[in-house]
Amino acid sequence: MFVSFFPRPKLFFTSAVVWSVIAVALWYLGASEWGNAIGLPSAAPDAPPIIGIPVFWSPPFLWFYLYYAVCVAIFYAFWRWYDANPWQRWSVLGSALILFIVYFQVQVSVAVNNWYGPFWDYIQAVLSKQVTTTTGEFYSQVWSFAGLALVGMNVAVLNAFFVSHWIFRWRQAMNGYYVSHWPKLRHIEGASQRVQEDTMRFSQIMEGLGVAFVDSIMTLIAFMPVLIRLSANITELPIVGAIAHPLVTAAIGWSLFGTVALVIAGYKLPGLQFRNQRVEAAYRKELVYGEDDAGRANPVTLTELFANVRRNYFRLYLHYVYFNVVRYSFLQANGIFSIFILGPSIVAGTITLGLMNQISYAFSQVSSSFQFLVNSWSTIVELLSVHKRLRAFEATIVGEALPDIDQRYLERQQGGVDPEDQPAA
């Protein structure tokens, strides 16, 4: 799954993490100032944020782009020298480009948050008749947001196009690797499906989960300082009262509450999902055998096997009822929780409309990042299932023992009896 696309996967991913930590540490220890030497100075600590699209070609951003490119080039050159892989341009440079685009999209969100404050303060001043304005000035403010939205949209479209090719290259690498060992693999149950479908699903799920995880981490890195800075404008929280960094504390506490609640509510769902795949596989196997053997897939057997499918789905639907009650209740409450915690400050009149919108947006970004596991748990279950099926291929290629379910299948092929082929009583 990995060795076909990445050079020496365990060492590669370990080195990627170590090099990333070194690069980030260097940046915060002073590399962010090195751009001064080439005319790309960092922003002054007390400088107001640049509003709108110009922020993306400001000197600090241009220096970061260059720094990131140099770090990636060093890492790529090392692996090109140490252990060249035919897919290295896609697995190393392609992955680096995807990570950069994720970072850029997070920065678009930060730029939108910076736009919220001045714009909504401007709207508040206009509606309260504190200032006079013109239609041109109003649409100029709106156009600033439209520019950010346009950049974000086009980057997302281009990223989706590139990621589609990246996923297919990973699938192509796995496909070529497994096909080269086909004589060893053809006897494994569902070998054709594993090569044709599971490789595609595995690469798609890994990309989706990986990008979502990195996006959550980068969002936390980008928005946590924003939330800390905005906390200076909040005097206290409802019930709790005055505490240090109230917005950060509220975001973490609320996210932990939601995570624990949803994990408890969905405790049985992963097991039911796994069993669902087993009963579906048993039903599908019998149908496949019936295509070549008139003695298989008779109506009685198929009825009993489908009854297992029906029973498991109905149990799944039942457990999803209370899980969805908790899930949707939390999501609905999540939409207004930031307004709830701002209640004392709104009543006291210590924040403006623009500041309220900035806080709400930043709070939602941070809290959603902390909820990564909850939002991704069903996808993780599916990934584990696909990984288990492909591990049989890996075991066969390197001469390891097959998983139990595949061992039983081979025993049945050789004249034994597979209990799981029998319909449930």
Protein backbone atom coordinates (compact mmCIF):
# COMPACT_ATOMS: atom_id res chain seq x y z
CA MET A 1 0.00 0.00 0.00
CA PHE A 2 2.81 2.42 0.84
CA VAL A 3 6.02 0.84 -0.45
CA SER A 4 4.74 1.05 -4.02
CA PHE A 5 4.39 4.86 -3.86
CA PHE A 6 6.74 6.10 -1.13
CA PRO A 7 10.46 5.32 -0.72
CA ARG A 8 11.02 3.22 2.43
CA PRO A 9 7.68 4.29 3.99
CA LYS A 10 8.50 3.98 7.72
CA LEU A 11 11.75 5.88 7.43
CA PHE A 12 10.25 8.30 4.92
CA PHE A 13 7.31 9.36 7.10
CA THR A 14 9.50 9.53 10.20
CA SER A 15 12.00 11.75 8.39
CA ALA A 16 9.15 13.90 7.02
CA VAL A 17 7.84 14.55 10.53
CA VAL A 18 11.32 15.26 11.92
CA TRP A 19 12.21 17.59 9.04
CA SER A 20 8.87 19.40 9.38
CA VAL A 21 9.48 19.96 13.11
CA ILE A 22 12.98 21.27 12.37
CA ALA A 23 11.71 23.61 9.63
CA VAL A 24 8.89 24.97 11.82
CA ALA A 25 11.24 25.41 14.79
CA LEU A 26 13.76 27.27 12.64
CA TRP A 27 11.00 29.53 11.35
CA TYR A 28 9.87 30.55 14.81
CA LEU A 29 13.43 30.77 16.16
CA GLY A 30 14.41 33.38 13.62
CA ALA A 31 14.11 32.13 10.05
CA SER A 32 11.03 34.33 9.62
CA GLU A 33 13.44 37.31 9.82
CA TRP A 34 15.94 35.99 7.27
CA GLY A 35 13.91 37.51 4.46
CA ASN A 36 15.21 40.91 5.54
CA ALA A 37 18.49 40.06 3.81
CA ILE A 38 16.78 39.84 0.41
CA GLY A 39 14.32 42.69 0.80
CA LEU A 40 11.40 40.68 2.19
CA PRO A 41 11.02 41.96 5.78
CA SER A 42 8.60 40.46 8.28
CA ALA A 43 5.65 42.48 9.54
CA ALA A 44 6.14 44.66 12.59
CA PRO A 45 4.57 43.23 15.78
CA ASP A 46 2.19 46.20 16.13
CA ALA A 47 1.39 46.48 12.41
CA PRO A 48 -2.32 46.20 11.58
CA PRO A 49 -3.28 43.20 9.40
CA ILE A 50 -3.39 43.76 5.64
CA ILE A 51 -7.01 43.53 4.49
CA GLY A 52 -7.91 41.73 1.27
CA ILE A 53 -5.97 39.98 -1.49
CA PRO A 54 -2.76 42.08 -1.21
CA VAL A 55 -1.84 40.11 1.93
CA PHE A 56 -0.89 37.11 -0.25
CA TRP A 57 1.90 38.97 -2.04
CA SER A 58 3.07 40.97 0.96
CA PRO A 59 6.81 40.53 1.83
CA PRO A 60 6.22 38.17 4.81
CA PHE A 61 4.10 35.85 2.65
CA LEU A 62 6.55 35.92 -0.27
CA TRP A 63 9.40 35.02 2.09
CA PHE A 64 7.41 32.11 3.54
CA TYR A 65 6.71 30.77 0.04
CA LEU A 66 10.44 30.83 -0.71
CA TYR A 67 11.35 29.27 2.64
CA TYR A 68 8.85 26.46 2.15
CA ALA A 69 10.13 25.76 -1.38
CA VAL A 70 13.75 25.55 -0.16
CA CYS A 71 12.80 23.15 2.67
CA VAL A 72 10.88 20.91 0.25
CA ALA A 73 13.75 20.96 -2.26
CA ILE A 74 16.26 19.87 0.41
CA PHE A 75 14.01 17.03 1.55
CA TYR A 76 13.34 15.89 -2.03
CA ALA A 77 17.03 16.01 -2.95
CA PHE A 78 17.94 13.86 0.06
CA TRP A 79 15.46 11.13 -0.82
CA ARG A 80 16.36 11.32 -4.48
CA TRP A 81 19.95 10.56 -3.47
CA TYR A 82 19.24 8.12 -0.62
CA ASP A 83 16.58 5.87 -2.15
CA ALA A 84 15.14 6.90 -5.51
CA ASN A 85 11.57 5.80 -6.16
CA PRO A 86 9.90 5.90 -9.61
CA TRP A 87 6.91 7.75 -8.10
CA GLN A 88 8.99 10.17 -6.03
CA ARG A 89 7.94 13.30 -7.88
CA TRP A 90 4.31 12.57 -7.04
CA SER A 91 4.78 11.10 -3.57
CA VAL A 92 7.21 13.80 -2.34
CA LEU A 93 6.71 16.92 -4.44
CA GLY A 94 3.00 16.22 -5.02
CA SER A 95 2.37 15.74 -1.30
CA ALA A 96 4.31 18.92 -0.53
CA LEU A 97 2.18 20.87 -3.00
CA ILE A 98 -1.03 19.55 -1.43
CA LEU A 99 0.21 20.57 2.03
CA PHE A 100 1.07 24.04 0.74
CA ILE A 101 -2.38 24.47 -0.80
CA VAL A 102 -4.00 23.40 2.49
CA TYR A 103 -1.88 26.04 4.25
CA PHE A 104 -2.88 28.64 1.66
CA GLN A 105 -6.58 27.87 2.07
CA VAL A 106 -6.27 28.25 5.83
CA GLN A 107 -4.62 31.64 5.27
CA VAL A 108 -7.56 32.62 3.06
CA SER A 109 -9.83 31.87 6.04
CA VAL A 110 -7.60 34.02 8.27
CA ALA A 111 -7.76 36.83 5.71
CA VAL A 112 -11.56 36.57 5.65
CA ASN A 113 -11.61 36.77 9.45
CA ASN A 114 -9.44 39.91 9.31
CA TRP A 115 -11.89 41.39 6.81
CA TYR A 116 -14.88 40.71 9.11
CA GLY A 117 -13.85 43.20 11.80
CA PRO A 118 -13.45 46.42 9.76
CA PHE A 119 -16.39 45.59 7.48
CA TRP A 120 -18.97 44.95 10.17
CA ASP A 121 -17.72 47.88 12.24
CA TYR A 122 -18.22 49.96 9.08
CA ILE A 123 -21.77 48.58 8.69
CA GLN A 124 -22.55 49.27 12.35
CA ALA A 125 -21.31 52.86 12.03
CA VAL A 126 -23.34 53.43 8.86
CA LEU A 127 -26.57 51.98 10.30
CA SER A 128 -26.20 53.97 13.51
CA LYS A 129 -25.63 57.15 11.48
CA GLN A 130 -22.22 57.67 13.07
CA VAL A 131 -20.60 58.09 9.64
CA THR A 132 -21.80 58.90 6.15
CA THR A 133 -20.76 56.82 3.19
CA THR A 134 -21.39 56.32 -0.51
CA THR A 135 -22.51 53.38 -2.59
CA GLY A 136 -19.04 53.23 -4.12
CA GLU A 137 -17.37 52.94 -0.72
CA PHE A 138 -19.79 50.20 0.31
CA TYR A 139 -19.19 48.10 -2.82
CA SER A 140 -15.47 48.65 -2.44
CA GLN A 141 -15.69 46.91 0.94
CA VAL A 142 -17.77 44.10 -0.55
CA TRP A 143 -15.38 43.70 -3.47
CA SER A 144 -12.52 43.14 -1.01
CA PHE A 145 -14.34 40.06 0.28
CA ALA A 146 -15.32 38.96 -3.22
CA GLY A 147 -11.64 38.99 -4.19
CA LEU A 148 -10.78 36.71 -1.27
CA ALA A 149 -13.67 34.39 -2.09
CA LEU A 150 -12.62 34.27 -5.74
CA VAL A 151 -9.04 33.35 -4.82
CA GLY A 152 -10.20 30.69 -2.37
CA MET A 153 -12.64 29.20 -4.88
CA ASN A 154 -10.11 28.98 -7.73
CA VAL A 155 -7.42 27.53 -5.50
CA ALA A 156 -9.92 24.90 -4.27
CA VAL A 157 -10.86 23.96 -7.86
CA LEU A 158 -7.22 23.65 -8.95
CA ASN A 159 -6.42 21.67 -5.81
CA ALA A 160 -9.28 19.23 -6.48
CA PHE A 161 -7.98 18.71 -10.03
CA PHE A 162 -4.43 18.07 -8.86
CA VAL A 163 -5.49 15.82 -5.97
CA SER A 164 -7.53 13.68 -8.38
CA HIS A 165 -4.38 13.04 -10.40
CA TRP A 166 -2.34 12.47 -7.22
CA ILE A 167 -4.81 9.87 -5.95
CA PHE A 168 -4.83 8.07 -9.30
CA ARG A 169 -1.01 7.98 -9.36
CA TRP A 170 -1.01 6.31 -5.94
CA ARG A 171 -3.63 3.84 -7.14
CA GLN A 172 -1.57 3.24 -10.30
CA ALA A 173 1.52 2.53 -8.19
CA MET A 174 -0.38 0.03 -6.00
CA ASN A 175 -2.01 -1.56 -9.03
CA GLY A 176 1.34 -2.07 -10.77
CA TYR A 177 2.86 -3.49 -7.59
CA TYR A 178 0.07 -6.01 -7.00
CA VAL A 179 -0.23 -7.00 -10.66
CA SER A 180 3.49 -7.79 -10.72
CA HIS A 181 2.79 -10.36 -7.96
CA TRP A 182 -0.52 -11.59 -9.41
CA PRO A 183 0.47 -15.30 -9.61
CA LYS A 184 0.81 -15.30 -5.80
CA LEU A 185 -2.29 -13.19 -5.19
CA ARG A 186 -4.89 -14.67 -7.53
CA HIS A 187 -5.94 -17.38 -5.03
CA ILE A 188 -6.93 -14.90 -2.32
CA GLU A 189 -10.65 -14.37 -1.95
CA GLY A 190 -11.86 -11.36 -3.93
CA ALA A 191 -8.40 -10.72 -5.37
CA SER A 192 -9.79 -8.92 -8.39
CA GLN A 193 -11.95 -6.64 -6.23
CA ARG A 194 -9.03 -5.83 -3.96
CA VAL A 195 -6.81 -4.82 -6.87
CA GLN A 196 -9.52 -2.97 -8.80
CA GLU A 197 -11.59 -1.31 -6.07
CA ASP A 198 -9.80 -1.42 -2.72
CA THR A 199 -6.67 0.27 -4.04
CA MET A 200 -8.80 3.15 -5.27
CA ARG A 201 -10.73 3.44 -2.00
CA PHE A 202 -7.57 3.24 0.09
CA SER A 203 -5.79 6.05 -1.76
CA GLN A 204 -8.92 8.25 -1.69
CA ILE A 205 -9.56 7.74 2.02
CA MET A 206 -5.91 8.25 2.97
CA GLU A 207 -5.79 11.50 1.00
CA GLY A 208 -9.06 12.74 2.48
CA LEU A 209 -8.15 11.91 6.08
CA GLY A 210 -4.60 13.18 5.68
CA VAL A 211 -5.66 16.52 4.24
CA ALA A 212 -8.41 16.90 6.87
CA PHE A 213 -5.93 16.19 9.67
CA VAL A 214 -3.31 18.61 8.33
CA ASP A 215 -6.02 21.22 7.75
CA SER A 216 -7.13 20.87 11.39
CA ILE A 217 -3.57 21.27 12.66
CA MET A 218 -2.85 24.27 10.43
CA THR A 219 -6.18 25.87 11.35
CA LEU A 220 -5.30 25.54 15.02
CA ILE A 221 -1.85 27.04 14.43
CA ALA A 222 -3.33 29.93 12.42
CA PHE A 223 -6.42 30.72 14.51
CA MET A 224 -5.30 29.99 18.08
CA PRO A 225 -3.20 33.22 18.24
CA VAL A 226 -6.16 35.08 16.71
CA LEU A 227 -8.46 33.70 19.40
CA ILE A 228 -5.94 34.57 22.14
CA ARG A 229 -5.66 38.12 20.78
CA LEU A 230 -9.44 38.51 20.57
CA SER A 231 -9.82 37.18 24.15
CA ALA A 232 -8.46 40.51 25.36
CA ASN A 233 -11.82 42.04 24.43
CA ILE A 234 -13.91 39.54 26.45
CA THR A 235 -14.34 40.32 30.12
CA GLU A 236 -15.98 37.10 31.33
CA LEU A 237 -17.84 33.92 30.34
CA PRO A 238 -21.39 33.00 31.34
CA ILE A 239 -21.57 30.96 34.59
CA VAL A 240 -17.76 30.64 34.80
CA GLY A 241 -17.03 34.35 35.16
CA ALA A 242 -13.67 36.03 34.54
CA ILE A 243 -10.81 33.66 33.56
CA ALA A 244 -7.57 33.87 31.58
CA HIS A 245 -7.94 33.41 27.79
CA PRO A 246 -11.71 32.81 28.03
CA LEU A 247 -12.30 32.16 24.31
CA VAL A 248 -9.56 29.51 24.09
CA THR A 249 -10.81 27.82 27.26
CA ALA A 250 -14.39 27.84 26.00
CA ALA A 251 -13.39 26.42 22.58
CA ILE A 252 -11.39 23.56 24.09
CA GLY A 253 -13.99 22.76 26.75
CA TRP A 254 -16.89 22.81 24.28
CA SER A 255 -15.04 20.63 21.77
CA LEU A 256 -14.08 18.08 24.42
CA PHE A 257 -17.68 17.94 25.60
CA GLY A 258 -18.94 17.32 22.07
CA THR A 259 -16.23 14.74 21.34
CA VAL A 260 -16.96 12.72 24.49
CA ALA A 261 -20.73 12.90 23.95
CA LEU A 262 -20.52 11.69 20.35
CA VAL A 263 -18.00 8.94 21.12
CA ILE A 264 -20.25 7.58 23.86
CA ALA A 265 -23.33 7.79 21.62
CA GLY A 266 -21.54 6.08 18.72
CA TYR A 267 -19.67 3.47 20.76
CA LYS A 268 -21.37 0.46 19.11
CA LEU A 269 -21.41 1.77 15.55
CA PRO A 270 -17.86 0.76 14.47
CA GLY A 271 -18.51 -2.88 15.43
CA LEU A 272 -21.80 -2.89 13.54
CA GLN A 273 -20.12 -1.37 10.51
CA PHE A 274 -17.49 -4.12 10.50
CA ARG A 275 -20.15 -6.82 10.84
CA ASN A 276 -22.12 -5.16 8.07
CA GLN A 277 -19.23 -5.66 5.67
CA ARG A 278 -18.96 -9.32 6.70
CA VAL A 279 -22.61 -10.21 6.12
CA GLU A 280 -22.62 -8.29 2.83
CA ALA A 281 -19.49 -10.17 1.76
CA ALA A 282 -21.05 -13.54 2.66
CA TYR A 283 -24.15 -12.73 0.60
CA ARG A 284 -22.07 -11.48 -2.34
CA LYS A 285 -19.82 -14.57 -2.24
CA GLU A 286 -22.78 -16.92 -2.49
CA LEU A 287 -24.12 -15.02 -5.49
CA VAL A 288 -20.71 -15.17 -7.20
CA TYR A 289 -20.39 -18.92 -6.57
CA GLY A 290 -23.86 -19.37 -8.01
CA GLU A 291 -22.72 -17.91 -11.33
CA ASP A 292 -20.53 -20.96 -11.98
CA ASP A 293 -22.08 -23.67 -9.77
CA ALA A 294 -25.75 -24.58 -10.14
CA GLY A 295 -25.69 -26.15 -6.68
CA ARG A 296 -24.89 -22.84 -5.00
CA ALA A 297 -27.01 -19.72 -4.44
CA ASN A 298 -30.30 -21.56 -4.08
CA PRO A 299 -33.30 -19.49 -2.93
CA VAL A 300 -33.33 -20.87 0.63
CA THR A 301 -29.65 -20.12 1.22
CA LEU A 302 -29.88 -16.65 -0.33
CA THR A 303 -32.96 -15.84 1.75
CA GLU A 304 -31.17 -16.78 4.96
CA LEU A 305 -28.02 -14.87 4.03
CA PHE A 306 -30.05 -11.79 3.10
CA ALA A 307 -31.90 -12.09 6.41
CA ASN A 308 -28.50 -11.60 8.10
CA VAL A 309 -27.96 -8.48 5.98
CA ARG A 310 -31.44 -7.20 6.86
CA ARG A 311 -30.99 -7.87 10.59
CA ASN A 312 -27.67 -6.06 10.74
CA TYR A 313 -28.90 -3.02 8.79
CA PHE A 314 -31.94 -2.67 11.04
CA ARG A 315 -29.71 -2.79 14.14
CA LEU A 316 -27.47 -0.17 12.52
CA TYR A 317 -30.46 2.09 11.78
CA LEU A 318 -31.67 1.76 15.38
CA HIS A 319 -28.32 2.73 16.89
CA TYR A 320 -27.98 5.61 14.46
CA VAL A 321 -31.20 7.12 15.83
CA TYR A 322 -29.79 8.11 19.21
CA PHE A 323 -26.36 8.85 17.72
CA ASN A 324 -27.92 11.32 15.27
CA VAL A 325 -29.99 12.88 18.05
CA VAL A 326 -26.79 13.68 19.95
CA ARG A 327 -24.87 14.61 16.79
CA TYR A 328 -27.41 17.03 15.32
CA SER A 329 -28.23 18.52 18.71
CA PHE A 330 -24.56 19.29 19.21
CA LEU A 331 -24.18 20.74 15.71
CA GLN A 332 -27.20 22.99 16.21
CA ALA A 333 -25.92 24.14 19.59
CA ASN A 334 -22.44 24.61 18.11
CA GLY A 335 -23.85 27.24 15.74
CA ILE A 336 -24.97 29.52 18.57
CA PHE A 337 -22.49 28.61 21.32
CA SER A 338 -20.10 31.41 20.37
CA ILE A 339 -22.99 33.91 20.66
CA PHE A 340 -23.90 32.39 24.04
CA ILE A 341 -20.41 32.90 25.49
CA LEU A 342 -20.36 36.47 24.19
CA GLY A 343 -23.59 37.29 26.03
CA PRO A 344 -22.07 39.20 29.00
CA SER A 345 -19.79 41.22 26.71
CA ILE A 346 -22.63 42.06 24.31
CA VAL A 347 -24.88 43.16 27.17
CA ALA A 348 -22.07 45.23 28.66
CA GLY A 349 -21.44 46.82 25.27
CA THR A 350 -17.70 46.09 25.36
CA ILE A 351 -17.47 44.66 21.83
CA THR A 352 -18.51 45.93 18.41
CA LEU A 353 -20.45 44.13 15.68
CA GLY A 354 -17.25 43.57 13.69
CA LEU A 355 -15.44 42.13 16.70
CA MET A 356 -18.39 39.85 17.46
CA ASN A 357 -18.28 38.43 13.91
CA GLN A 358 -14.52 37.98 14.07
CA ILE A 359 -14.77 36.10 17.36
CA SER A 360 -17.63 33.89 16.13
CA TYR A 361 -15.74 32.92 12.97
CA ALA A 362 -12.41 32.29 14.72
CA PHE A 363 -14.16 30.34 17.49
CA SER A 364 -15.93 28.08 14.99
CA GLN A 365 -12.63 27.39 13.17
CA VAL A 366 -10.82 26.40 16.36
CA SER A 367 -13.65 24.29 17.79
CA SER A 368 -14.17 22.41 14.50
CA SER A 369 -10.43 21.62 14.40
CA PHE A 370 -10.63 20.03 17.83
CA GLN A 371 -13.52 17.87 16.56
CA PHE A 372 -11.46 16.14 13.84
CA LEU A 373 -11.75 12.63 15.29
CA VAL A 374 -15.50 12.87 15.76
CA ASN A 375 -16.08 14.16 12.24
CA SER A 376 -13.84 11.49 10.72
CA TRP A 377 -14.56 8.39 12.80
CA SER A 378 -16.79 6.65 10.22
CA THR A 379 -14.19 7.24 7.50
CA ILE A 380 -11.49 5.83 9.78
CA VAL A 381 -13.59 2.67 10.26
CA GLU A 382 -13.89 2.29 6.50
CA LEU A 383 -10.13 2.80 6.08
CA LEU A 384 -9.41 0.05 8.64
CA SER A 385 -11.66 -2.31 6.73
CA VAL A 386 -9.93 -1.63 3.40
CA HIS A 387 -6.51 -1.87 5.04
CA LYS A 388 -7.41 -5.28 6.48
CA ARG A 389 -8.31 -6.59 3.04
CA LEU A 390 -5.15 -5.28 1.40
CA ARG A 391 -2.98 -6.62 4.23
CA ALA A 392 -3.73 -10.12 2.92
CA PHE A 393 -1.95 -9.14 -0.28
CA GLU A 394 1.00 -7.81 1.66
CA ALA A 395 1.19 -10.99 3.74
CA THR A 396 1.17 -13.22 0.66
CA ILE A 397 3.86 -11.23 -1.15
CA VAL A 398 6.33 -11.32 1.75
CA GLY A 399 5.42 -14.88 2.82
CA GLU A 400 3.64 -14.06 6.10
CA ALA A 401 0.64 -15.98 7.44
CA LEU A 402 -2.71 -14.88 6.03
CA PRO A 403 -5.40 -13.39 8.28
CA ASP A 404 -7.85 -15.93 9.70
CA ILE A 405 -10.67 -15.11 7.30
CA ASP A 406 -8.42 -15.68 4.28
CA GLN A 407 -6.98 -18.86 5.79
CA ARG A 408 -10.48 -20.29 6.12
CA TYR A 409 -11.22 -19.40 2.53
CA LEU A 410 -8.14 -21.29 1.30
CA GLU A 411 -9.09 -24.29 3.46
CA ARG A 412 -12.53 -24.33 1.85
CA GLN A 413 -10.88 -24.12 -1.57
CA GLN A 414 -8.83 -27.19 -0.67
CA GLY A 415 -11.85 -29.17 0.52
CA GLY A 416 -12.35 -27.89 4.04
CA VAL A 417 -15.43 -26.16 5.44
CA ASP A 418 -15.65 -22.44 6.10
CA PRO A 419 -18.18 -21.85 8.91
CA GLU A 420 -18.82 -18.32 7.70
CA ASP A 421 -20.09 -19.63 4.35
CA GLN A 422 -23.00 -21.25 6.20
CA PRO A 423 -26.12 -19.16 6.68
CA ALA A 424 -26.91 -18.08 10.21
CA ALA A 425 -29.59 -20.00 12.05
